[in-house]
Amino acid sequence: MNEEKTSVDSKLNELRAEIDSVDVQLAALLDRRFSLTRQIGKTKGAIGRRIKDEAREQIVLDRVAQNLDKSENINAVMSLFKLLMQLSVEQQSSGLEEFESESRGLSGANADDYFPNVCIIGAGLIGGALARKIYDVFGNTQISVIDLPNVLSELQASGIFTTCSSEINEASISPASLIVIACPPDTCLEVLKVLAPRLHSGQVVIDLCSVKQVICNLAASLVLNGAEFVGVHPFFGTEKSGFEHSAEVPLKGKTICLVATEKSSVATLKRLSEWFNRMDLRVFETDARSHDATVAATSHLIQLMASSLGSVIQQELISAGKADHLVLSGGALAEFARLMASKPQIWSQIVGQNNVEIDRLLQKLIIELYALLETSTNDRDRFADIFERAAEVNKRLLK
């Protein structure tokens, strides 16, 4: 029995010694591989290519599977390589961060290298306000704009934009390192579809809509040719609209929300965060679903309540010939009145895109608001009537 045990122990020690030898080789190979992935990350930064490359990862996994197709260890090895792919992305991101840090060290404090060429699609209130801030903070950044033909002369006259165009094509899009879609919510979806086949690796696309799940899901379904997409929601709008009012929008200290997608890297999120910080904006990061659930409560529902309240007041006082009685109000109504002047066209699109979260919250309101719940999702004409009556309250209150 002792001889048999000694023989087994000897065999076990031999196997462990062989594993120890393999571990030494494996550790050296992994160390070499991760050094290479960091170099790849720095190289991708230099040529403007995104870190995550799903096609390349699949090629690696397919090659491993082919070499192990008859092995009893194939499942274990494939699981290990999938983990290795995740770790390699992290290493490449670290390499990209090193490259960007070195680049910023060479370029100095201006940091125009974040996004040297920015294209704004839709320079209305929000797009225009962001363009003005970029112009003020990053003096060397080239800012182009794509908008409707009837507003191009006004945009050109502002002196902010190096080029103005009314068409989305390769010539207007290709030079941009950052493309900002600042259109109404439904238009943003259509613009992204038009953009997708014209994009290339190294470009970053963001939108400025207040609903994120719809457009982020769309971006995930599109082929962006190596470009990245990040959902962005700026919290510095007003009830006004148009480029002519964009200079009135204060940005300093305001919050801007970043929403990561399947088509965005950690390095790009960090670059955007630093870029917005340089413009004195506070950056908050979350996922698309959490974002939409939150703003449904903190913004969308409040707007709907303000318009519903304005509609009731309009019917109770103005339509009844008692508009002069509006002086019998305090600061609360004055604050709501600012929201009452909002445009129904934009808000009907916001409600349409975030109706699941908004409806969930509307269900919790008292029974008097049930009519608003149905109006906000089914009857666009009545929805517009509510906003028109609310806007009339705003006008009368401010006289």
Protein backbone atom coordinates (compact mmCIF):
# COMPACT_ATOMS: atom_id res chain seq x y z
CA MET A 1 0.00 0.00 0.00
CA ASN A 2 2.83 2.41 0.92
CA GLU A 3 4.61 1.67 -2.36
CA GLU A 4 1.41 2.36 -4.31
CA LYS A 5 0.89 5.66 -2.45
CA THR A 6 4.49 6.64 -3.07
CA SER A 7 4.06 5.94 -6.78
CA VAL A 8 0.90 8.09 -6.95
CA ASP A 9 2.57 10.93 -5.05
CA SER A 10 5.52 10.76 -7.41
CA LYS A 11 3.25 10.94 -10.45
CA LEU A 12 1.34 13.88 -8.94
CA ASN A 13 4.58 15.76 -8.30
CA GLU A 14 5.70 15.15 -11.87
CA LEU A 15 2.43 16.53 -13.25
CA ARG A 16 2.59 19.56 -10.97
CA ALA A 17 6.18 20.21 -12.00
CA GLU A 18 5.11 20.12 -15.63
CA ILE A 19 2.24 22.54 -14.89
CA ASP A 20 4.67 24.84 -13.09
CA SER A 21 6.83 24.88 -16.21
CA VAL A 22 3.80 25.63 -18.41
CA ASP A 23 2.70 28.40 -16.03
CA VAL A 24 6.07 30.11 -16.34
CA GLN A 25 5.82 30.01 -20.13
CA LEU A 26 2.17 31.06 -20.07
CA ALA A 27 2.85 34.01 -17.75
CA ALA A 28 5.64 35.23 -20.03
CA LEU A 29 3.41 34.88 -23.11
CA LEU A 30 0.50 36.70 -21.45
CA ASP A 31 2.82 39.46 -20.31
CA ARG A 32 4.09 39.79 -23.89
CA ARG A 33 0.53 39.72 -25.28
CA PHE A 34 -0.71 42.47 -22.95
CA SER A 35 2.32 44.61 -23.78
CA LEU A 36 1.39 44.25 -27.44
CA THR A 37 -2.27 45.14 -26.79
CA ARG A 38 -1.20 48.32 -24.99
CA GLN A 39 0.92 49.24 -28.00
CA ILE A 40 -2.06 48.52 -30.25
CA GLY A 41 -4.16 50.89 -28.12
CA LYS A 42 -1.59 53.67 -28.54
CA THR A 43 -1.41 53.00 -32.28
CA LYS A 44 -5.20 53.12 -32.61
CA GLY A 45 -5.14 56.46 -30.81
CA ALA A 46 -2.60 57.80 -33.28
CA ILE A 47 -4.72 56.83 -36.30
CA GLY A 48 -8.09 57.62 -34.69
CA ARG A 49 -9.48 54.09 -34.62
CA ARG A 50 -11.91 52.87 -31.93
CA ILE A 51 -10.65 50.36 -29.38
CA LYS A 52 -13.29 47.64 -29.50
CA ASP A 53 -13.23 45.68 -32.75
CA GLU A 54 -15.88 42.94 -32.71
CA ALA A 55 -14.86 41.60 -36.13
CA ARG A 56 -11.22 41.16 -35.06
CA GLU A 57 -12.27 39.46 -31.79
CA GLN A 58 -14.39 36.96 -33.71
CA ILE A 59 -11.48 36.15 -36.03
CA VAL A 60 -9.29 35.36 -33.01
CA LEU A 61 -11.96 33.17 -31.40
CA ASP A 62 -12.65 31.33 -34.67
CA ARG A 63 -8.96 30.60 -35.13
CA VAL A 64 -8.71 29.21 -31.59
CA ALA A 65 -11.82 27.05 -32.11
CA GLN A 66 -10.42 25.62 -35.37
CA ASN A 67 -7.18 24.58 -33.66
CA LEU A 68 -9.09 22.91 -30.82
CA ASP A 69 -12.08 21.48 -32.66
CA LYS A 70 -11.30 17.90 -31.53
CA SER A 71 -10.02 18.73 -28.08
CA GLU A 72 -11.95 17.79 -24.94
CA ASN A 73 -10.78 21.11 -23.48
CA ILE A 74 -12.30 23.34 -26.16
CA ASN A 75 -15.06 24.82 -23.95
CA ALA A 76 -12.64 25.71 -21.17
CA VAL A 77 -10.11 27.22 -23.58
CA MET A 78 -12.79 29.23 -25.44
CA SER A 79 -14.09 30.65 -22.15
CA LEU A 80 -10.56 31.66 -21.21
CA PHE A 81 -10.01 33.39 -24.57
CA LYS A 82 -13.29 35.30 -24.28
CA LEU A 83 -12.08 36.63 -20.94
CA LEU A 84 -8.74 37.39 -22.57
CA MET A 85 -10.57 39.50 -25.19
CA GLN A 86 -12.19 41.58 -22.44
CA LEU A 87 -8.86 42.09 -20.67
CA SER A 88 -7.23 43.02 -23.98
CA VAL A 89 -9.81 45.78 -24.52
CA GLU A 90 -8.94 47.18 -21.08
CA GLN A 91 -5.24 47.06 -21.92
CA GLN A 92 -5.80 48.79 -25.26
CA SER A 93 -7.85 51.48 -23.50
CA SER A 94 -4.92 52.05 -21.13
CA GLY A 95 -2.61 52.36 -24.12
CA LEU A 96 -4.98 54.86 -25.73
CA GLU A 97 -5.07 56.91 -22.52
CA GLU A 98 -1.25 56.98 -22.52
CA PHE A 99 -1.27 58.22 -26.10
CA GLU A 100 -3.84 60.95 -25.33
CA SER A 101 -1.92 62.01 -22.23
CA GLU A 102 1.28 62.30 -24.26
CA SER A 103 -0.57 64.20 -26.99
CA ARG A 104 -2.01 66.69 -24.52
CA GLY A 105 1.43 67.15 -23.00
CA LEU A 106 2.79 68.12 -26.42
CA SER A 107 -0.13 70.32 -27.43
CA GLY A 108 -0.24 72.41 -24.27
CA ALA A 109 -3.13 73.71 -22.17
CA ASN A 110 -5.49 74.60 -25.03
CA ALA A 111 -6.37 70.92 -25.52
CA ASP A 112 -7.87 71.58 -28.96
CA ASP A 113 -6.69 68.08 -29.82
CA TYR A 114 -9.71 66.60 -28.02
CA PHE A 115 -11.85 67.16 -31.11
CA PRO A 116 -10.07 69.43 -33.61
CA ASN A 117 -12.97 69.39 -36.07
CA VAL A 118 -16.56 69.55 -34.81
CA CYS A 119 -19.64 69.37 -37.03
CA ILE A 120 -22.96 70.60 -35.59
CA ILE A 121 -26.06 69.25 -37.34
CA GLY A 122 -28.85 71.62 -36.38
CA ALA A 123 -27.63 74.86 -34.80
CA GLY A 124 -30.82 75.81 -33.01
CA LEU A 125 -31.00 76.82 -29.36
CA ILE A 126 -28.99 73.94 -27.88
CA GLY A 127 -26.72 73.22 -30.84
CA GLY A 128 -26.04 76.92 -31.19
CA ALA A 129 -25.29 77.36 -27.49
CA LEU A 130 -22.82 74.47 -27.56
CA ALA A 131 -21.17 75.83 -30.74
CA ARG A 132 -20.70 79.22 -29.08
CA LYS A 133 -19.10 77.61 -26.03
CA ILE A 134 -16.74 75.49 -28.16
CA TYR A 135 -15.77 78.64 -30.07
CA ASP A 136 -15.05 80.54 -26.84
CA VAL A 137 -13.10 77.78 -25.05
CA PHE A 138 -11.29 75.99 -27.90
CA GLY A 139 -10.06 78.75 -30.16
CA ASN A 140 -8.36 76.50 -32.71
CA THR A 141 -11.25 74.07 -33.15
CA GLN A 142 -12.80 74.13 -36.61
CA ILE A 143 -16.60 74.22 -36.27
CA SER A 144 -18.80 73.41 -39.26
CA VAL A 145 -22.59 73.39 -39.38
CA ILE A 146 -25.27 71.60 -41.37
CA ASP A 147 -28.73 73.14 -41.23
CA LEU A 148 -31.71 74.23 -43.29
CA PRO A 149 -30.93 76.53 -46.24
CA ASN A 150 -33.04 79.41 -44.89
CA VAL A 151 -30.89 79.79 -41.73
CA LEU A 152 -27.41 79.41 -43.24
CA SER A 153 -26.91 83.12 -43.81
CA GLU A 154 -27.59 83.86 -40.13
CA LEU A 155 -25.21 81.10 -39.05
CA GLN A 156 -22.48 82.30 -41.41
CA ALA A 157 -22.86 85.86 -40.15
CA SER A 158 -22.22 84.74 -36.56
CA GLY A 159 -18.54 84.16 -37.35
CA ILE A 160 -18.55 80.91 -35.35
CA PHE A 161 -18.62 78.42 -38.20
CA THR A 162 -15.83 77.83 -40.69
CA THR A 163 -18.19 76.17 -43.18
CA CYS A 164 -21.98 76.10 -43.53
CA SER A 165 -23.85 73.48 -45.53
CA SER A 166 -27.40 72.25 -46.04
CA GLU A 167 -26.47 68.68 -47.05
CA ILE A 168 -25.19 65.64 -45.19
CA ASN A 169 -22.59 64.10 -47.48
CA GLU A 170 -19.02 62.83 -47.40
CA ALA A 171 -17.60 66.30 -48.04
CA SER A 172 -19.42 67.87 -45.08
CA ILE A 173 -19.01 64.93 -42.69
CA SER A 174 -15.65 63.30 -43.41
CA PRO A 175 -13.34 65.97 -41.87
CA ALA A 176 -15.20 65.96 -38.53
CA SER A 177 -13.68 64.18 -35.52
CA LEU A 178 -16.88 64.88 -33.55
CA ILE A 179 -20.38 65.07 -35.05
CA VAL A 180 -23.14 66.59 -32.91
CA ILE A 181 -26.75 65.82 -33.86
CA ALA A 182 -28.77 68.67 -32.34
CA CYS A 183 -32.14 68.24 -34.05
CA PRO A 184 -35.67 67.53 -32.78
CA PRO A 185 -35.96 63.97 -31.36
CA ASP A 186 -37.60 62.29 -34.36
CA THR A 187 -35.33 64.12 -36.79
CA CYS A 188 -32.27 62.91 -34.83
CA LEU A 189 -33.25 59.33 -35.63
CA GLU A 190 -33.50 60.05 -39.34
CA VAL A 191 -30.24 62.00 -39.37
CA LEU A 192 -28.38 59.12 -37.70
CA LYS A 193 -29.65 56.73 -40.36
CA VAL A 194 -28.40 59.06 -43.10
CA LEU A 195 -25.06 59.55 -41.33
CA ALA A 196 -24.26 55.90 -40.65
CA PRO A 197 -23.01 54.80 -44.12
CA ARG A 198 -20.95 57.99 -44.44
CA LEU A 199 -19.04 57.60 -41.18
CA HIS A 200 -15.52 56.24 -40.75
CA SER A 201 -13.24 54.97 -38.01
CA GLY A 202 -11.94 57.67 -35.67
CA GLN A 203 -15.17 59.67 -35.65
CA VAL A 204 -17.40 60.14 -32.62
CA VAL A 205 -21.12 60.90 -32.96
CA ILE A 206 -23.27 62.30 -30.16
CA ASP A 207 -26.89 63.42 -30.01
CA LEU A 208 -28.42 66.06 -27.74
CA CYS A 209 -31.91 64.59 -27.28
CA SER A 210 -33.61 64.26 -23.90
CA VAL A 211 -34.62 60.63 -24.57
CA LYS A 212 -31.83 58.09 -24.88
CA GLN A 213 -33.09 54.50 -25.25
CA VAL A 214 -34.60 54.93 -28.72
CA ILE A 215 -31.59 56.55 -30.37
CA CYS A 216 -29.01 54.43 -28.51
CA ASN A 217 -30.80 51.26 -29.62
CA LEU A 218 -30.86 52.59 -33.17
CA ALA A 219 -27.12 53.30 -33.06
CA ALA A 220 -26.48 49.74 -31.85
CA SER A 221 -28.42 48.35 -34.82
CA LEU A 222 -26.61 50.42 -37.45
CA VAL A 223 -23.25 49.77 -39.13
CA LEU A 224 -21.15 52.83 -38.24
CA ASN A 225 -17.98 51.74 -40.06
CA GLY A 226 -15.85 51.92 -36.93
CA ALA A 227 -17.22 55.26 -35.69
CA GLU A 228 -18.42 55.52 -32.08
CA PHE A 229 -21.76 56.74 -30.74
CA VAL A 230 -22.41 58.24 -27.29
CA GLY A 231 -25.79 59.47 -26.08
CA VAL A 232 -25.61 62.98 -24.59
CA HIS A 233 -28.29 65.01 -22.81
CA PRO A 234 -27.49 68.66 -21.98
CA PHE A 235 -29.50 70.14 -19.10
CA PHE A 236 -29.29 73.78 -20.15
CA GLY A 237 -32.25 74.36 -22.44
CA THR A 238 -34.99 76.96 -22.18
CA GLU A 239 -38.52 77.28 -23.46
CA LYS A 240 -37.23 79.36 -26.39
CA SER A 241 -35.93 78.00 -29.69
CA GLY A 242 -33.67 79.05 -32.56
CA PHE A 243 -30.06 80.13 -32.98
CA GLU A 244 -31.05 83.75 -32.32
CA HIS A 245 -31.62 82.85 -28.64
CA SER A 246 -28.60 80.57 -28.22
CA ALA A 247 -26.41 83.35 -26.77
CA GLU A 248 -28.89 83.66 -23.89
CA VAL A 249 -28.36 80.07 -22.72
CA PRO A 250 -26.02 79.83 -19.68
CA LEU A 251 -23.80 76.74 -19.71
CA LYS A 252 -21.42 77.30 -16.80
CA GLY A 253 -22.04 74.83 -14.00
CA LYS A 254 -24.85 73.07 -15.84
CA THR A 255 -25.10 69.27 -15.98
CA ILE A 256 -24.54 67.20 -19.11
CA CYS A 257 -25.31 63.48 -19.10
CA LEU A 258 -23.25 60.89 -21.01
CA VAL A 259 -24.83 57.54 -21.92
CA ALA A 260 -22.49 54.75 -23.02
CA THR A 261 -23.60 52.44 -25.84
CA GLU A 262 -22.45 49.25 -27.51
CA LYS A 263 -20.67 51.49 -30.00
CA SER A 264 -18.62 53.56 -27.50
CA SER A 265 -15.34 52.91 -25.69
CA VAL A 266 -14.21 53.80 -22.19
CA ALA A 267 -11.48 56.00 -23.66
CA THR A 268 -13.96 58.01 -25.75
CA LEU A 269 -16.27 58.52 -22.76
CA LYS A 270 -13.30 59.84 -20.80
CA ARG A 271 -12.27 62.12 -23.66
CA LEU A 272 -15.81 63.54 -23.93
CA SER A 273 -16.01 63.97 -20.16
CA GLU A 274 -12.76 65.95 -20.05
CA TRP A 275 -13.85 68.01 -23.07
CA PHE A 276 -17.13 68.99 -21.43
CA ASN A 277 -15.35 69.69 -18.13
CA ARG A 278 -13.15 72.18 -19.96
CA MET A 279 -16.36 74.00 -20.91
CA ASP A 280 -17.35 74.26 -17.21
CA LEU A 281 -20.05 71.59 -17.53
CA ARG A 282 -20.67 68.97 -14.86
CA VAL A 283 -20.63 65.48 -16.34
CA PHE A 284 -22.93 62.70 -15.11
CA GLU A 285 -22.79 59.19 -16.60
CA THR A 286 -25.57 56.60 -16.58
CA ASP A 287 -27.21 54.01 -18.80
CA ALA A 288 -30.00 54.76 -21.28
CA ARG A 289 -32.79 53.07 -19.35
CA SER A 290 -31.93 54.77 -16.05
CA HIS A 291 -31.63 58.08 -17.84
CA ASP A 292 -35.07 57.87 -19.43
CA ALA A 293 -36.71 56.74 -16.19
CA THR A 294 -35.11 59.61 -14.28
CA VAL A 295 -35.83 62.45 -16.71
CA ALA A 296 -39.40 61.22 -17.08
CA ALA A 297 -39.79 62.19 -13.41
CA THR A 298 -37.48 65.22 -13.18
CA SER A 299 -38.28 66.89 -16.50
CA HIS A 300 -40.86 65.32 -18.81
CA LEU A 301 -43.58 64.85 -16.23
CA ILE A 302 -43.08 68.37 -14.86
CA GLN A 303 -43.47 69.81 -18.36
CA LEU A 304 -46.68 67.85 -18.91
CA MET A 305 -48.05 68.93 -15.54
CA ALA A 306 -47.21 72.57 -16.25
CA SER A 307 -48.98 72.45 -19.60
CA SER A 308 -51.95 70.60 -18.11
CA LEU A 309 -52.19 73.21 -15.36
CA GLY A 310 -51.95 76.01 -17.89
CA SER A 311 -54.73 74.45 -19.94
CA VAL A 312 -57.01 74.31 -16.89
CA ILE A 313 -56.20 77.92 -15.91
CA GLN A 314 -56.81 79.10 -19.47
CA GLN A 315 -60.26 77.50 -19.47
CA GLU A 316 -61.11 78.66 -15.94
CA LEU A 317 -59.93 82.29 -16.21
CA ILE A 318 -58.98 83.52 -19.67
CA SER A 319 -61.82 81.85 -21.57
CA ALA A 320 -64.21 82.98 -18.84
CA GLY A 321 -63.16 86.63 -19.30
CA LYS A 322 -61.21 86.78 -16.04
CA ALA A 323 -57.66 87.21 -17.39
CA ASP A 324 -57.14 90.16 -15.05
CA HIS A 325 -57.48 87.76 -12.13
CA LEU A 326 -54.07 86.30 -12.99
CA VAL A 327 -52.52 88.97 -10.78
CA LEU A 328 -53.80 86.87 -7.89
CA SER A 329 -50.86 84.48 -8.16
CA GLY A 330 -47.43 83.97 -6.65
CA GLY A 331 -44.00 82.87 -7.79
CA ALA A 332 -44.99 79.22 -8.27
CA LEU A 333 -47.31 80.02 -11.16
CA ALA A 334 -44.71 82.35 -12.68
CA GLU A 335 -42.18 79.48 -12.75
CA PHE A 336 -44.70 77.09 -14.24
CA ALA A 337 -45.62 79.77 -16.78
CA ARG A 338 -42.09 79.62 -18.23
CA LEU A 339 -42.67 75.95 -19.04
CA MET A 340 -46.13 76.74 -20.38
CA ALA A 341 -44.48 78.58 -23.29
CA SER A 342 -42.74 75.42 -24.56
CA LYS A 343 -43.41 74.25 -28.10
CA PRO A 344 -45.81 71.30 -28.50
CA GLN A 345 -44.05 70.03 -31.64
CA ILE A 346 -40.86 69.10 -29.76
CA TRP A 347 -42.61 67.78 -26.68
CA SER A 348 -44.97 65.54 -28.62
CA GLN A 349 -41.87 63.81 -30.03
CA ILE A 350 -40.25 63.52 -26.58
CA VAL A 351 -43.41 62.00 -25.15
CA GLY A 352 -43.64 59.62 -28.09
CA GLN A 353 -40.07 58.37 -27.59
CA ASN A 354 -40.23 58.08 -23.78
CA ASN A 355 -43.91 57.18 -23.44
CA VAL A 356 -43.28 53.97 -21.46
CA GLU A 357 -41.59 55.78 -18.56
CA ILE A 358 -43.87 58.79 -18.74
CA ASP A 359 -47.02 56.67 -18.77
CA ARG A 360 -45.72 54.72 -15.79
CA LEU A 361 -45.45 57.95 -13.81
CA LEU A 362 -48.69 59.40 -15.06
CA GLN A 363 -50.46 56.33 -13.72
CA LYS A 364 -49.39 57.44 -10.24
CA LEU A 365 -50.97 60.87 -10.53
CA ILE A 366 -54.44 61.74 -9.25
CA ILE A 367 -57.48 60.96 -11.36
CA GLU A 368 -57.80 64.54 -12.65
CA LEU A 369 -54.67 64.00 -14.76
CA TYR A 370 -55.92 60.81 -16.44
CA ALA A 371 -57.13 62.81 -19.45
CA LEU A 372 -53.58 64.12 -19.90
CA LEU A 373 -52.24 60.55 -19.94
CA GLU A 374 -54.40 59.63 -22.93
CA THR A 375 -53.83 62.96 -24.68
CA SER A 376 -50.04 62.65 -24.41
CA THR A 377 -49.95 59.35 -26.28
CA ASN A 378 -52.95 59.21 -28.61
CA ASP A 379 -54.40 62.58 -29.61
CA ARG A 380 -51.70 64.87 -31.05
CA ASP A 381 -54.26 67.59 -31.99
CA ARG A 382 -55.61 67.83 -28.46
CA PHE A 383 -52.03 67.70 -27.18
CA ALA A 384 -51.25 70.81 -29.27
CA ASP A 385 -54.42 72.51 -27.97
CA ILE A 386 -53.23 72.04 -24.38
CA PHE A 387 -49.88 73.67 -25.16
CA GLU A 388 -51.51 76.54 -27.02
CA ARG A 389 -53.80 77.32 -24.09
CA ALA A 390 -50.84 77.06 -21.70
CA ALA A 391 -48.77 79.42 -23.87
CA GLU A 392 -51.62 81.96 -23.71
CA VAL A 393 -51.44 81.86 -19.93
CA ASN A 394 -47.72 82.61 -20.13
CA LYS A 395 -48.32 85.62 -22.38
CA ARG A 396 -51.06 87.07 -20.16
CA LEU A 397 -49.09 86.50 -16.96
CA LEU A 398 -46.02 88.34 -18.26
CA LYS A 399 -47.93 91.40 -19.52
